[in-house]
Amino acid sequence: LKGIKYEYIEEDRSNKSDELVKYNPIYKQVPVLVHNGKPI
C-alpha cells in the first residue's frame, strides 16, 4: 500500500533460519521486518 519494494524470505516453522533466530531471539517467530539491517 505504501509502494515500498521488499525482499520476502520464507521461513520453515520446523527449521527456523539462523537469521530469524538472530533477529527475533525471544520469540523466534515471524514476521520480522529488517530495514537497513535493523530488525523490527
Full PDB file with SEQRES, HELIX, SHEET, SSBOND, CRYST1, ORIGX, SCALE, CONECT and MASTER records, all heavy atoms in Angstrom:
SEQRES   1 A   40  LEU LYS GLY ILE LYS TYR GLU TYR ILE GLU GLU ASP ARG          
SEQRES   2 A   40  SER ASN LYS SER ASP GLU LEU VAL LYS TYR ASN PRO ILE          
SEQRES   3 A   40  TYR LYS GLN VAL PRO VAL LEU VAL HIS ASN GLY LYS PRO          
SEQRES   4 A   40  ILE                                                          
HELIX    1 AA1 ASP A   18  TYR A   23  1                                   6    
SHEET    1 AA1 2 VAL A  34  HIS A  35  0                                        
SHEET    2 AA1 2 LYS A  38  PRO A  39 -1                                        
CRYST1    1.000    1.000    1.000  90.00  90.00  90.00 P 1           1          
ORIGX1      1.000000  0.000000  0.000000        0.00000                         
ORIGX2      0.000000  1.000000  0.000000        0.00000                         
ORIGX3      0.000000  0.000000  1.000000        0.00000                         
SCALE1      1.000000  0.000000  0.000000        0.00000                         
SCALE2      0.000000  1.000000  0.000000        0.00000                         
SCALE3      0.000000  0.000000  1.000000        0.00000                         
ATOM      1  N   LEU A   1       0.826  -1.207   0.000  1.00  0.00           N  
ATOM      2  CA  LEU A   1       0.000   0.000   0.000  1.00  0.00           C  
ATOM      3  C   LEU A   1       0.861   1.258   0.000  1.00  0.00           C  
ATOM      4  O   LEU A   1       0.482   2.283  -0.568  1.00  0.00           O  
ATOM      5  CB  LEU A   1      -0.927   0.002   1.216  1.00  0.00           C  
ATOM      6  CG  LEU A   1      -2.095  -0.994   1.175  1.00  0.00           C  
ATOM      7  CD1 LEU A   1      -2.748  -1.108   2.545  1.00  0.00           C  
ATOM      8  CD2 LEU A   1      -3.126  -0.580   0.133  1.00  0.00           C  
ATOM      9  N   LYS A   2       2.024   1.165   0.636  1.00  0.00           N  
ATOM     10  CA  LYS A   2       2.936   2.304   0.696  1.00  0.00           C  
ATOM     11  C   LYS A   2       3.845   2.392  -0.532  1.00  0.00           C  
ATOM     12  O   LYS A   2       4.580   3.367  -0.706  1.00  0.00           O  
ATOM     13  CB  LYS A   2       3.811   2.196   1.951  1.00  0.00           C  
ATOM     14  CG  LYS A   2       3.074   2.461   3.256  1.00  0.00           C  
ATOM     15  CD  LYS A   2       2.904   3.942   3.497  1.00  0.00           C  
ATOM     16  CE  LYS A   2       2.391   4.235   4.886  1.00  0.00           C  
ATOM     17  NZ  LYS A   2       2.284   5.693   5.140  1.00  0.00           N  
ATOM     18  N   GLY A   3       3.801   1.339  -1.359  1.00  0.00           N  
ATOM     19  CA  GLY A   3       4.654   1.330  -2.545  1.00  0.00           C  
ATOM     20  C   GLY A   3       6.117   1.063  -2.249  1.00  0.00           C  
ATOM     21  O   GLY A   3       7.005   1.522  -2.968  1.00  0.00           O  
ATOM     22  N   ILE A   4       6.390   0.312  -1.178  1.00  0.00           N  
ATOM     23  CA  ILE A   4       7.761   0.016  -0.761  1.00  0.00           C  
ATOM     24  C   ILE A   4       8.188  -1.347  -1.298  1.00  0.00           C  
ATOM     25  O   ILE A   4       7.524  -2.354  -1.039  1.00  0.00           O  
ATOM     26  CB  ILE A   4       7.884   0.029   0.774  1.00  0.00           C  
ATOM     27  CG1 ILE A   4       7.321   1.321   1.354  1.00  0.00           C  
ATOM     28  CG2 ILE A   4       9.332  -0.182   1.191  1.00  0.00           C  
ATOM     29  CD1 ILE A   4       7.975   2.578   0.838  1.00  0.00           C  
ATOM     30  N   LYS A   5       9.290  -1.389  -2.010  1.00  0.00           N  
ATOM     31  CA  LYS A   5       9.818  -2.659  -2.511  1.00  0.00           C  
ATOM     32  C   LYS A   5      10.519  -3.403  -1.374  1.00  0.00           C  
ATOM     33  O   LYS A   5      11.200  -2.794  -0.542  1.00  0.00           O  
ATOM     34  CB  LYS A   5      10.792  -2.402  -3.654  1.00  0.00           C  
ATOM     35  CG  LYS A   5      10.135  -1.823  -4.902  1.00  0.00           C  
ATOM     36  CD  LYS A   5      11.140  -1.645  -6.020  1.00  0.00           C  
ATOM     37  CE  LYS A   5      10.469  -1.088  -7.269  1.00  0.00           C  
ATOM     38  NZ  LYS A   5      11.425  -0.901  -8.386  1.00  0.00           N  
ATOM     39  N   TYR A   6      10.360  -4.716  -1.366  1.00  0.00           N  
ATOM     40  CA  TYR A   6      10.974  -5.510  -0.301  1.00  0.00           C  
ATOM     41  C   TYR A   6      11.310  -6.909  -0.812  1.00  0.00           C  
ATOM     42  O   TYR A   6      10.782  -7.371  -1.824  1.00  0.00           O  
ATOM     43  CB  TYR A   6      10.021  -5.622   0.894  1.00  0.00           C  
ATOM     44  CG  TYR A   6       8.738  -6.377   0.599  1.00  0.00           C  
ATOM     45  CD1 TYR A   6       8.628  -7.740   0.864  1.00  0.00           C  
ATOM     46  CD2 TYR A   6       7.633  -5.729   0.042  1.00  0.00           C  
ATOM     47  CE1 TYR A   6       7.459  -8.433   0.586  1.00  0.00           C  
ATOM     48  CE2 TYR A   6       6.469  -6.402  -0.237  1.00  0.00           C  
ATOM     49  CZ  TYR A   6       6.377  -7.758   0.043  1.00  0.00           C  
ATOM     50  OH  TYR A   6       5.225  -8.440  -0.239  1.00  0.00           O  
ATOM     51  N   GLU A   7      12.184  -7.565  -0.082  1.00  0.00           N  
ATOM     52  CA  GLU A   7      12.526  -8.964  -0.371  1.00  0.00           C  
ATOM     53  C   GLU A   7      11.817  -9.842   0.643  1.00  0.00           C  
ATOM     54  O   GLU A   7      11.901  -9.601   1.854  1.00  0.00           O  
ATOM     55  CB  GLU A   7      14.039  -9.170  -0.270  1.00  0.00           C  
ATOM     56  CG  GLU A   7      14.469 -10.620  -0.482  1.00  0.00           C  
ATOM     57  CD  GLU A   7      15.938 -10.865  -0.206  1.00  0.00           C  
ATOM     58  OE1 GLU A   7      16.679  -9.875  -0.003  1.00  0.00           O  
ATOM     59  OE2 GLU A   7      16.341 -12.044  -0.175  1.00  0.00           O  
ATOM     60  N   TYR A   8      11.119 -10.857   0.160  1.00  0.00           N  
ATOM     61  CA  TYR A   8      10.419 -11.776   1.054  1.00  0.00           C  
ATOM     62  C   TYR A   8      11.277 -13.015   1.279  1.00  0.00           C  
ATOM     63  O   TYR A   8      11.795 -13.606   0.330  1.00  0.00           O  
ATOM     64  CB  TYR A   8       9.062 -12.178   0.472  1.00  0.00           C  
ATOM     65  CG  TYR A   8       8.358 -13.233   1.302  1.00  0.00           C  
ATOM     66  CD1 TYR A   8       7.761 -12.895   2.516  1.00  0.00           C  
ATOM     67  CD2 TYR A   8       8.317 -14.558   0.883  1.00  0.00           C  
ATOM     68  CE1 TYR A   8       7.136 -13.859   3.293  1.00  0.00           C  
ATOM     69  CE2 TYR A   8       7.681 -15.526   1.655  1.00  0.00           C  
ATOM     70  CZ  TYR A   8       7.092 -15.169   2.854  1.00  0.00           C  
ATOM     71  OH  TYR A   8       6.478 -16.122   3.632  1.00  0.00           O  
ATOM     72  N   ILE A   9      11.404 -13.418   2.536  1.00  0.00           N  
ATOM     73  CA  ILE A   9      12.191 -14.598   2.898  1.00  0.00           C  
ATOM     74  C   ILE A   9      11.280 -15.594   3.591  1.00  0.00           C  
ATOM     75  O   ILE A   9      10.751 -15.325   4.680  1.00  0.00           O  
ATOM     76  CB  ILE A   9      13.362 -14.216   3.823  1.00  0.00           C  
ATOM     77  CG1 ILE A   9      14.279 -13.205   3.110  1.00  0.00           C  
ATOM     78  CG2 ILE A   9      14.148 -15.449   4.248  1.00  0.00           C  
ATOM     79  CD1 ILE A   9      15.290 -12.559   4.005  1.00  0.00           C  
ATOM     80  N   GLU A  10      11.071 -16.726   2.959  1.00  0.00           N  
ATOM     81  CA  GLU A  10      10.196 -17.765   3.501  1.00  0.00           C  
ATOM     82  C   GLU A  10      10.912 -18.538   4.606  1.00  0.00           C  
ATOM     83  O   GLU A  10      12.047 -18.991   4.441  1.00  0.00           O  
ATOM     84  CB  GLU A  10       9.769 -18.718   2.390  1.00  0.00           C  
ATOM     85  CG  GLU A  10       8.885 -19.875   2.842  1.00  0.00           C  
ATOM     86  CD  GLU A  10       7.458 -19.457   3.172  1.00  0.00           C  
ATOM     87  OE1 GLU A  10       7.035 -18.372   2.714  1.00  0.00           O  
ATOM     88  OE2 GLU A  10       6.769 -20.216   3.873  1.00  0.00           O  
ATOM     89  N   GLU A  11      10.229 -18.692   5.737  1.00  0.00           N  
ATOM     90  CA  GLU A  11      10.773 -19.436   6.864  1.00  0.00           C  
ATOM     91  C   GLU A  11      10.073 -20.783   7.007  1.00  0.00           C  
ATOM     92  O   GLU A  11       8.921 -20.936   6.594  1.00  0.00           O  
ATOM     93  CB  GLU A  11      10.615 -18.634   8.164  1.00  0.00           C  
ATOM     94  CG  GLU A  11      11.459 -17.379   8.244  1.00  0.00           C  
ATOM     95  CD  GLU A  11      12.931 -17.678   8.475  1.00  0.00           C  
ATOM     96  OE1 GLU A  11      13.267 -18.840   8.792  1.00  0.00           O  
ATOM     97  OE2 GLU A  11      13.742 -16.739   8.342  1.00  0.00           O  
ATOM     98  N   ASP A  12      10.768 -21.733   7.596  1.00  0.00           N  
ATOM     99  CA  ASP A  12      10.231 -23.053   7.882  1.00  0.00           C  
ATOM    100  C   ASP A  12      10.011 -23.144   9.394  1.00  0.00           C  
ATOM    101  O   ASP A  12      10.959 -23.012  10.173  1.00  0.00           O  
ATOM    102  CB  ASP A  12      11.218 -24.135   7.419  1.00  0.00           C  
ATOM    103  CG  ASP A  12      10.690 -25.543   7.612  1.00  0.00           C  
ATOM    104  OD1 ASP A  12       9.676 -25.717   8.324  1.00  0.00           O  
ATOM    105  OD2 ASP A  12      11.291 -26.477   7.063  1.00  0.00           O  
ATOM    106  N   ARG A  13       8.782 -23.349   9.806  1.00  0.00           N  
ATOM    107  CA  ARG A  13       8.476 -23.385  11.236  1.00  0.00           C  
ATOM    108  C   ARG A  13       9.281 -24.442  11.981  1.00  0.00           C  
ATOM    109  O   ARG A  13       9.663 -24.251  13.136  1.00  0.00           O  
ATOM    110  CB  ARG A  13       6.980 -23.666  11.439  1.00  0.00           C  
ATOM    111  CG  ARG A  13       6.086 -22.463  11.194  1.00  0.00           C  
ATOM    112  CD  ARG A  13       4.644 -22.844  11.410  1.00  0.00           C  
ATOM    113  NE  ARG A  13       3.752 -21.700  11.315  1.00  0.00           N  
ATOM    114  CZ  ARG A  13       2.433 -21.784  11.366  1.00  0.00           C  
ATOM    115  NH1 ARG A  13       1.849 -22.962  11.523  1.00  0.00           N  
ATOM    116  NH2 ARG A  13       1.681 -20.701  11.264  1.00  0.00           N  
ATOM    117  N   SER A  14       9.528 -25.563  11.327  1.00  0.00           N  
ATOM    118  CA  SER A  14      10.241 -26.663  11.986  1.00  0.00           C  
ATOM    119  C   SER A  14      11.756 -26.548  11.847  1.00  0.00           C  
ATOM    120  O   SER A  14      12.492 -27.318  12.465  1.00  0.00           O  
ATOM    121  CB  SER A  14       9.772 -28.007  11.402  1.00  0.00           C  
ATOM    122  OG  SER A  14      10.022 -28.057  10.013  1.00  0.00           O  
ATOM    123  N   ASN A  15      12.206 -25.615  11.053  1.00  0.00           N  
ATOM    124  CA  ASN A  15      13.650 -25.445  10.846  1.00  0.00           C  
ATOM    125  C   ASN A  15      13.936 -23.961  10.594  1.00  0.00           C  
ATOM    126  O   ASN A  15      14.248 -23.550   9.473  1.00  0.00           O  
ATOM    127  CB  ASN A  15      14.130 -26.307   9.668  1.00  0.00           C  
ATOM    128  CG  ASN A  15      15.634 -26.264   9.499  1.00  0.00           C  
ATOM    129  OD1 ASN A  15      16.362 -26.019  10.455  1.00  0.00           O  
ATOM    130  ND2 ASN A  15      16.098 -26.488   8.283  1.00  0.00           N  
ATOM    131  N   LYS A  16      13.823 -23.173  11.652  1.00  0.00           N  
ATOM    132  CA  LYS A  16      13.944 -21.729  11.523  1.00  0.00           C  
ATOM    133  C   LYS A  16      15.367 -21.312  11.168  1.00  0.00           C  
ATOM    134  O   LYS A  16      16.334 -21.901  11.662  1.00  0.00           O  
ATOM    135  CB  LYS A  16      13.500 -21.056  12.825  1.00  0.00           C  
ATOM    136  CG  LYS A  16      12.041 -21.319  13.142  1.00  0.00           C  
ATOM    137  CD  LYS A  16      11.662 -20.889  14.539  1.00  0.00           C  
ATOM    138  CE  LYS A  16      10.207 -21.247  14.833  1.00  0.00           C  
ATOM    139  NZ  LYS A  16       9.811 -20.927  16.213  1.00  0.00           N  
ATOM    140  N   SER A  17      15.462 -20.321  10.328  1.00  0.00           N  
ATOM    141  CA  SER A  17      16.771 -19.874   9.864  1.00  0.00           C  
ATOM    142  C   SER A  17      17.559 -19.204  10.987  1.00  0.00           C  
ATOM    143  O   SER A  17      16.989 -18.693  11.958  1.00  0.00           O  
ATOM    144  CB  SER A  17      16.617 -18.895   8.694  1.00  0.00           C  
ATOM    145  OG  SER A  17      16.085 -17.662   9.149  1.00  0.00           O  
ATOM    146  N   ASP A  18      18.881 -19.189  10.826  1.00  0.00           N  
ATOM    147  CA  ASP A  18      19.732 -18.522  11.803  1.00  0.00           C  
ATOM    148  C   ASP A  18      19.413 -17.031  11.863  1.00  0.00           C  
ATOM    149  O   ASP A  18      19.497 -16.405  12.931  1.00  0.00           O  
ATOM    150  CB  ASP A  18      21.210 -18.724  11.434  1.00  0.00           C  
ATOM    151  CG  ASP A  18      21.651 -20.179  11.570  1.00  0.00           C  
ATOM    152  OD1 ASP A  18      20.996 -20.919  12.315  1.00  0.00           O  
ATOM    153  OD2 ASP A  18      22.645 -20.554  10.924  1.00  0.00           O  
ATOM    154  N   GLU A  19      19.053 -16.478  10.692  1.00  0.00           N  
ATOM    155  CA  GLU A  19      18.726 -15.041  10.651  1.00  0.00           C  
ATOM    156  C   GLU A  19      17.501 -14.736  11.496  1.00  0.00           C  
ATOM    157  O   GLU A  19      17.467 -13.747  12.237  1.00  0.00           O  
ATOM    158  CB  GLU A  19      18.494 -14.594   9.207  1.00  0.00           C  
ATOM    159  CG  GLU A  19      19.735 -14.512   8.348  1.00  0.00           C  
ATOM    160  CD  GLU A  19      20.156 -15.870   7.812  1.00  0.00           C  
ATOM    161  OE1 GLU A  19      19.406 -16.862   8.024  1.00  0.00           O  
ATOM    162  OE2 GLU A  19      21.224 -15.943   7.191  1.00  0.00           O  
ATOM    163  N   LEU A  20      16.459 -15.579  11.398  1.00  0.00           N  
ATOM    164  CA  LEU A  20      15.242 -15.348  12.166  1.00  0.00           C  
ATOM    165  C   LEU A  20      15.524 -15.410  13.668  1.00  0.00           C  
ATOM    166  O   LEU A  20      15.068 -14.559  14.436  1.00  0.00           O  
ATOM    167  CB  LEU A  20      14.172 -16.382  11.793  1.00  0.00           C  
ATOM    168  CG  LEU A  20      12.854 -16.283  12.572  1.00  0.00           C  
ATOM    169  CD1 LEU A  20      12.175 -14.945  12.324  1.00  0.00           C  
ATOM    170  CD2 LEU A  20      11.923 -17.430  12.210  1.00  0.00           C  
ATOM    171  N   VAL A  21      16.294 -16.407  14.074  1.00  0.00           N  
ATOM    172  CA  VAL A  21      16.637 -16.561  15.494  1.00  0.00           C  
ATOM    173  C   VAL A  21      17.464 -15.379  15.978  1.00  0.00           C  
ATOM    174  O   VAL A  21      17.298 -14.891  17.100  1.00  0.00           O  
ATOM    175  CB  VAL A  21      17.380 -17.885  15.726  1.00  0.00           C  
ATOM    176  CG1 VAL A  21      17.838 -17.997  17.175  1.00  0.00           C  
ATOM    177  CG2 VAL A  21      16.492 -19.074  15.363  1.00  0.00           C  
ATOM    178  N   LYS A  22      18.354 -14.897  15.114  1.00  0.00           N  
ATOM    179  CA  LYS A  22      19.175 -13.741  15.474  1.00  0.00           C  
ATOM    180  C   LYS A  22      18.335 -12.470  15.586  1.00  0.00           C  
ATOM    181  O   LYS A  22      18.497 -11.683  16.528  1.00  0.00           O  
ATOM    182  CB  LYS A  22      20.273 -13.535  14.419  1.00  0.00           C  
ATOM    183  CG  LYS A  22      21.180 -12.327  14.701  1.00  0.00           C  
ATOM    184  CD  LYS A  22      22.220 -12.149  13.607  1.00  0.00           C  
ATOM    185  CE  LYS A  22      21.602 -11.609  12.323  1.00  0.00           C  
ATOM    186  NZ  LYS A  22      22.630 -11.266  11.309  1.00  0.00           N  
ATOM    187  N   TYR A  23      17.412 -12.288  14.627  1.00  0.00           N  
ATOM    188  CA  TYR A  23      16.618 -11.067  14.605  1.00  0.00           C  
ATOM    189  C   TYR A  23      15.517 -11.053  15.656  1.00  0.00           C  
ATOM    190  O   TYR A  23      15.120  -9.995  16.140  1.00  0.00           O  
ATOM    191  CB  TYR A  23      15.999 -10.874  13.220  1.00  0.00           C  
ATOM    192  CG  TYR A  23      16.984 -10.514  12.139  1.00  0.00           C  
ATOM    193  CD1 TYR A  23      16.869 -11.062  10.863  1.00  0.00           C  
ATOM    194  CD2 TYR A  23      18.027  -9.627  12.378  1.00  0.00           C  
ATOM    195  CE1 TYR A  23      17.764 -10.732   9.856  1.00  0.00           C  
ATOM    196  CE2 TYR A  23      18.930  -9.283  11.385  1.00  0.00           C  
ATOM    197  CZ  TYR A  23      18.794  -9.849  10.125  1.00  0.00           C  
ATOM    198  OH  TYR A  23      19.683  -9.512   9.145  1.00  0.00           O  
ATOM    199  N   ASN A  24      14.993 -12.230  16.005  1.00  0.00           N  
ATOM    200  CA  ASN A  24      13.919 -12.329  16.996  1.00  0.00           C  
ATOM    201  C   ASN A  24      14.265 -13.417  18.013  1.00  0.00           C  
ATOM    202  O   ASN A  24      13.639 -14.480  18.050  1.00  0.00           O  
ATOM    203  CB  ASN A  24      12.587 -12.647  16.298  1.00  0.00           C  
ATOM    204  CG  ASN A  24      11.395 -12.471  17.225  1.00  0.00           C  
ATOM    205  OD1 ASN A  24      11.536 -12.142  18.394  1.00  0.00           O  
ATOM    206  ND2 ASN A  24      10.203 -12.680  16.696  1.00  0.00           N  
ATOM    207  N   PRO A  25      15.285 -13.181  18.838  1.00  0.00           N  
ATOM    208  CA  PRO A  25      15.796 -14.221  19.738  1.00  0.00           C  
ATOM    209  C   PRO A  25      14.842 -14.605  20.858  1.00  0.00           C  
ATOM    210  O   PRO A  25      14.955 -15.698  21.416  1.00  0.00           O  
ATOM    211  CB  PRO A  25      17.078 -13.593  20.298  1.00  0.00           C  
ATOM    212  CG  PRO A  25      16.852 -12.111  20.218  1.00  0.00           C  
ATOM    213  CD  PRO A  25      16.037 -11.922  18.961  1.00  0.00           C  
ATOM    214  N   ILE A  26      13.909 -13.734  21.211  1.00  0.00           N  
ATOM    215  CA  ILE A  26      12.986 -14.035  22.310  1.00  0.00           C  
ATOM    216  C   ILE A  26      11.875 -14.974  21.853  1.00  0.00           C  
ATOM    217  O   ILE A  26      11.657 -16.043  22.417  1.00  0.00           O  
ATOM    218  CB  ILE A  26      12.378 -12.748  22.882  1.00  0.00           C  
ATOM    219  CG1 ILE A  26      13.475 -11.816  23.389  1.00  0.00           C  
ATOM    220  CG2 ILE A  26      11.392 -13.086  24.007  1.00  0.00           C  
ATOM    221  CD1 ILE A  26      14.326 -12.402  24.494  1.00  0.00           C  
ATOM    222  N   TYR A  27      11.149 -14.582  20.803  1.00  0.00           N  
ATOM    223  CA  TYR A  27      10.011 -15.371  20.334  1.00  0.00           C  
ATOM    224  C   TYR A  27      10.366 -16.327  19.199  1.00  0.00           C  
ATOM    225  O   TYR A  27       9.684 -17.331  18.998  1.00  0.00           O  
ATOM    226  CB  TYR A  27       8.878 -14.441  19.875  1.00  0.00           C  
ATOM    227  CG  TYR A  27       8.313 -13.600  20.990  1.00  0.00           C  
ATOM    228  CD1 TYR A  27       8.520 -12.226  21.031  1.00  0.00           C  
ATOM    229  CD2 TYR A  27       7.569 -14.176  22.008  1.00  0.00           C  
ATOM    230  CE1 TYR A  27       7.996 -11.443  22.048  1.00  0.00           C  
ATOM    231  CE2 TYR A  27       7.037 -13.408  23.031  1.00  0.00           C  
ATOM    232  CZ  TYR A  27       7.261 -12.044  23.050  1.00  0.00           C  
ATOM    233  OH  TYR A  27       6.748 -11.280  24.059  1.00  0.00           O  
ATOM    234  N   LYS A  28      11.397 -15.965  18.428  1.00  0.00           N  
ATOM    235  CA  LYS A  28      11.820 -16.788  17.288  1.00  0.00           C  
ATOM    236  C   LYS A  28      10.663 -17.051  16.326  1.00  0.00           C  
ATOM    237  O   LYS A  28      10.457 -18.155  15.837  1.00  0.00           O  
ATOM    238  CB  LYS A  28      12.417 -18.119  17.768  1.00  0.00           C  
ATOM    239  CG  LYS A  28      13.612 -17.964  18.699  1.00  0.00           C  
ATOM    240  CD  LYS A  28      14.104 -19.319  19.173  1.00  0.00           C  
ATOM    241  CE  LYS A  28      15.299 -19.176  20.104  1.00  0.00           C  
ATOM    242  NZ  LYS A  28      14.982 -18.455  21.348  1.00  0.00           N  
ATOM    243  N   GLN A  29       9.864 -15.995  16.099  1.00  0.00           N  
ATOM    244  CA  GLN A  29       8.684 -16.115  15.257  1.00  0.00           C  
ATOM    245  C   GLN A  29       8.670 -15.038  14.177  1.00  0.00           C  
ATOM    246  O   GLN A  29       9.345 -14.012  14.296  1.00  0.00           O  
ATOM    247  CB  GLN A  29       7.410 -15.989  16.106  1.00  0.00           C  
ATOM    248  CG  GLN A  29       7.200 -17.129  17.089  1.00  0.00           C  
ATOM    249  CD  GLN A  29       5.950 -16.925  17.931  1.00  0.00           C  
ATOM    250  OE1 GLN A  29       5.395 -15.830  18.011  1.00  0.00           O  
ATOM    251  NE2 GLN A  29       5.492 -17.986  18.585  1.00  0.00           N  
ATOM    252  N   VAL A  30       7.891 -15.315  13.138  1.00  0.00           N  
ATOM    253  CA  VAL A  30       7.634 -14.313  12.107  1.00  0.00           C  
ATOM    254  C   VAL A  30       6.363 -13.551  12.508  1.00  0.00           C  
ATOM    255  O   VAL A  30       5.582 -14.044  13.322  1.00  0.00           O  
ATOM    256  CB  VAL A  30       7.446 -14.986  10.731  1.00  0.00           C  
ATOM    257  CG1 VAL A  30       8.702 -15.723  10.342  1.00  0.00           C  
ATOM    258  CG2 VAL A  30       6.244 -15.933  10.704  1.00  0.00           C  
ATOM    259  N   PRO A  31       6.171 -12.353  11.972  1.00  0.00           N  
ATOM    260  CA  PRO A  31       7.017 -11.701  10.977  1.00  0.00           C  
ATOM    261  C   PRO A  31       8.145 -10.904  11.616  1.00  0.00           C  
ATOM    262  O   PRO A  31       8.056 -10.479  12.769  1.00  0.00           O  
ATOM    263  CB  PRO A  31       6.041 -10.747  10.280  1.00  0.00           C  
ATOM    264  CG  PRO A  31       5.086 -10.368  11.374  1.00  0.00           C  
ATOM    265  CD  PRO A  31       4.921 -11.603  12.217  1.00  0.00           C  
ATOM    266  N   VAL A  32       9.192 -10.735  10.826  1.00  0.00           N  
ATOM    267  CA  VAL A  32      10.269  -9.825  11.179  1.00  0.00           C  
ATOM    268  C   VAL A  32      10.522  -8.946   9.965  1.00  0.00           C  
ATOM    269  O   VAL A  32      10.689  -9.453   8.853  1.00  0.00           O  
ATOM    270  CB  VAL A  32      11.560 -10.571  11.565  1.00  0.00           C  
ATOM    271  CG1 VAL A  32      12.702  -9.573  11.771  1.00  0.00           C  
ATOM    272  CG2 VAL A  32      11.362 -11.394  12.828  1.00  0.00           C  
ATOM    273  N   LEU A  33      10.503  -7.650  10.189  1.00  0.00           N  
ATOM    274  CA  LEU A  33      10.882  -6.693   9.152  1.00  0.00           C  
ATOM    275  C   LEU A  33      12.316  -6.278   9.421  1.00  0.00           C  
ATOM    276  O   LEU A  33      12.651  -5.916  10.546  1.00  0.00           O  
ATOM    277  CB  LEU A  33       9.966  -5.462   9.194  1.00  0.00           C  
ATOM    278  CG  LEU A  33      10.326  -4.334   8.217  1.00  0.00           C  
ATOM    279  CD1 LEU A  33       9.832  -4.671   6.814  1.00  0.00           C  
ATOM    280  CD2 LEU A  33       9.737  -2.997   8.671  1.00  0.00           C  
ATOM    281  N   VAL A  34      13.148  -6.353   8.391  1.00  0.00           N  
ATOM    282  CA  VAL A  34      14.536  -5.923   8.514  1.00  0.00           C  
ATOM    283  C   VAL A  34      14.734  -4.727   7.596  1.00  0.00           C  
ATOM    284  O   VAL A  34      14.601  -4.841   6.379  1.00  0.00           O  
ATOM    285  CB  VAL A  34      15.519  -7.054   8.147  1.00  0.00           C  
ATOM    286  CG1 VAL A  34      16.956  -6.590   8.384  1.00  0.00           C  
ATOM    287  CG2 VAL A  34      15.230  -8.306   8.963  1.00  0.00           C  
ATOM    288  N   HIS A  35      15.021  -3.588   8.195  1.00  0.00           N  
ATOM    289  CA  HIS A  35      15.207  -2.355   7.435  1.00  0.00           C  
ATOM    290  C   HIS A  35      16.617  -1.838   7.675  1.00  0.00           C  
ATOM    291  O   HIS A  35      16.973  -1.506   8.801  1.00  0.00           O  
ATOM    292  CB  HIS A  35      14.173  -1.311   7.858  1.00  0.00           C  
ATOM    293  CG  HIS A  35      14.257  -0.040   7.081  1.00  0.00           C  
ATOM    294  ND1 HIS A  35      13.922   1.189   7.622  1.00  0.00           N  
ATOM    295  CD2 HIS A  35      14.642   0.213   5.796  1.00  0.00           C  
ATOM    296  CE1 HIS A  35      14.091   2.126   6.705  1.00  0.00           C  
ATOM    297  NE2 HIS A  35      14.529   1.559   5.603  1.00  0.00           N  
ATOM    298  N   ASN A  36      17.407  -1.820   6.614  1.00  0.00           N  
ATOM    299  CA  ASN A  36      18.813  -1.402   6.719  1.00  0.00           C  
ATOM    300  C   ASN A  36      19.562  -2.196   7.786  1.00  0.00           C  
ATOM    301  O   ASN A  36      20.356  -1.654   8.556  1.00  0.00           O  
ATOM    302  CB  ASN A  36      18.910   0.095   7.023  1.00  0.00           C  
ATOM    303  CG  ASN A  36      18.486   0.948   5.847  1.00  0.00           C  
ATOM    304  OD1 ASN A  36      18.575   0.522   4.697  1.00  0.00           O  
ATOM    305  ND2 ASN A  36      18.012   2.153   6.115  1.00  0.00           N  
ATOM    306  N   GLY A  37      19.262  -3.501   7.837  1.00  0.00           N  
ATOM    307  CA  GLY A  37      19.954  -4.383   8.766  1.00  0.00           C  
ATOM    308  C   GLY A  37      19.404  -4.403  10.170  1.00  0.00           C  
ATOM    309  O   GLY A  37      19.859  -5.185  11.013  1.00  0.00           O  
ATOM    310  N   LYS A  38      18.412  -3.554  10.469  1.00  0.00           N  
ATOM    311  CA  LYS A  38      17.841  -3.482  11.809  1.00  0.00           C  
ATOM    312  C   LYS A  38      16.480  -4.186  11.843  1.00  0.00           C  
ATOM    313  O   LYS A  38      15.595  -3.859  11.054  1.00  0.00           O  
ATOM    314  CB  LYS A  38      17.685  -2.035  12.247  1.00  0.00           C  
ATOM    315  CG  LYS A  38      19.014  -1.293  12.375  1.00  0.00           C  
ATOM    316  CD  LYS A  38      18.793   0.152  12.804  1.00  0.00           C  
ATOM    317  CE  LYS A  38      20.126   0.879  12.947  1.00  0.00           C  
ATOM    318  NZ  LYS A  38      19.934   2.296  13.361  1.00  0.00           N  
ATOM    319  N   PRO A  39      16.294  -5.161  12.758  1.00  0.00           N  
ATOM    320  CA  PRO A  39      15.038  -5.922  12.807  1.00  0.00           C  
ATOM    321  C   PRO A  39      13.962  -5.257  13.649  1.00  0.00           C  
ATOM    322  O   PRO A  39      14.250  -4.624  14.671  1.00  0.00           O  
ATOM    323  CB  PRO A  39      15.471  -7.242  13.443  1.00  0.00           C  
ATOM    324  CG  PRO A  39      16.593  -6.845  14.361  1.00  0.00           C  
ATOM    325  CD  PRO A  39      17.310  -5.700  13.678  1.00  0.00           C  
ATOM    326  N   ILE A  40      12.720  -5.392  13.199  1.00  0.00           N  
ATOM    327  CA  ILE A  40      11.552  -4.974  13.972  1.00  0.00           C  
ATOM    328  C   ILE A  40      10.614  -6.178  14.018  1.00  0.00           C  
ATOM    329  O   ILE A  40      10.322  -6.778  12.974  1.00  0.00           O  
ATOM    330  CB  ILE A  40      10.826  -3.761  13.348  1.00  0.00           C  
ATOM    331  CG1 ILE A  40      11.783  -2.577  13.210  1.00  0.00           C  
ATOM    332  CG2 ILE A  40       9.642  -3.350  14.214  1.00  0.00           C  
ATOM    333  CD1 ILE A  40      12.435  -2.476  11.863  1.00  0.00           C  
TER     334      ILE A  40                                                      
MASTER        0    0    0    1    2    0    0    6  333    1    0    4          
END                                                                             
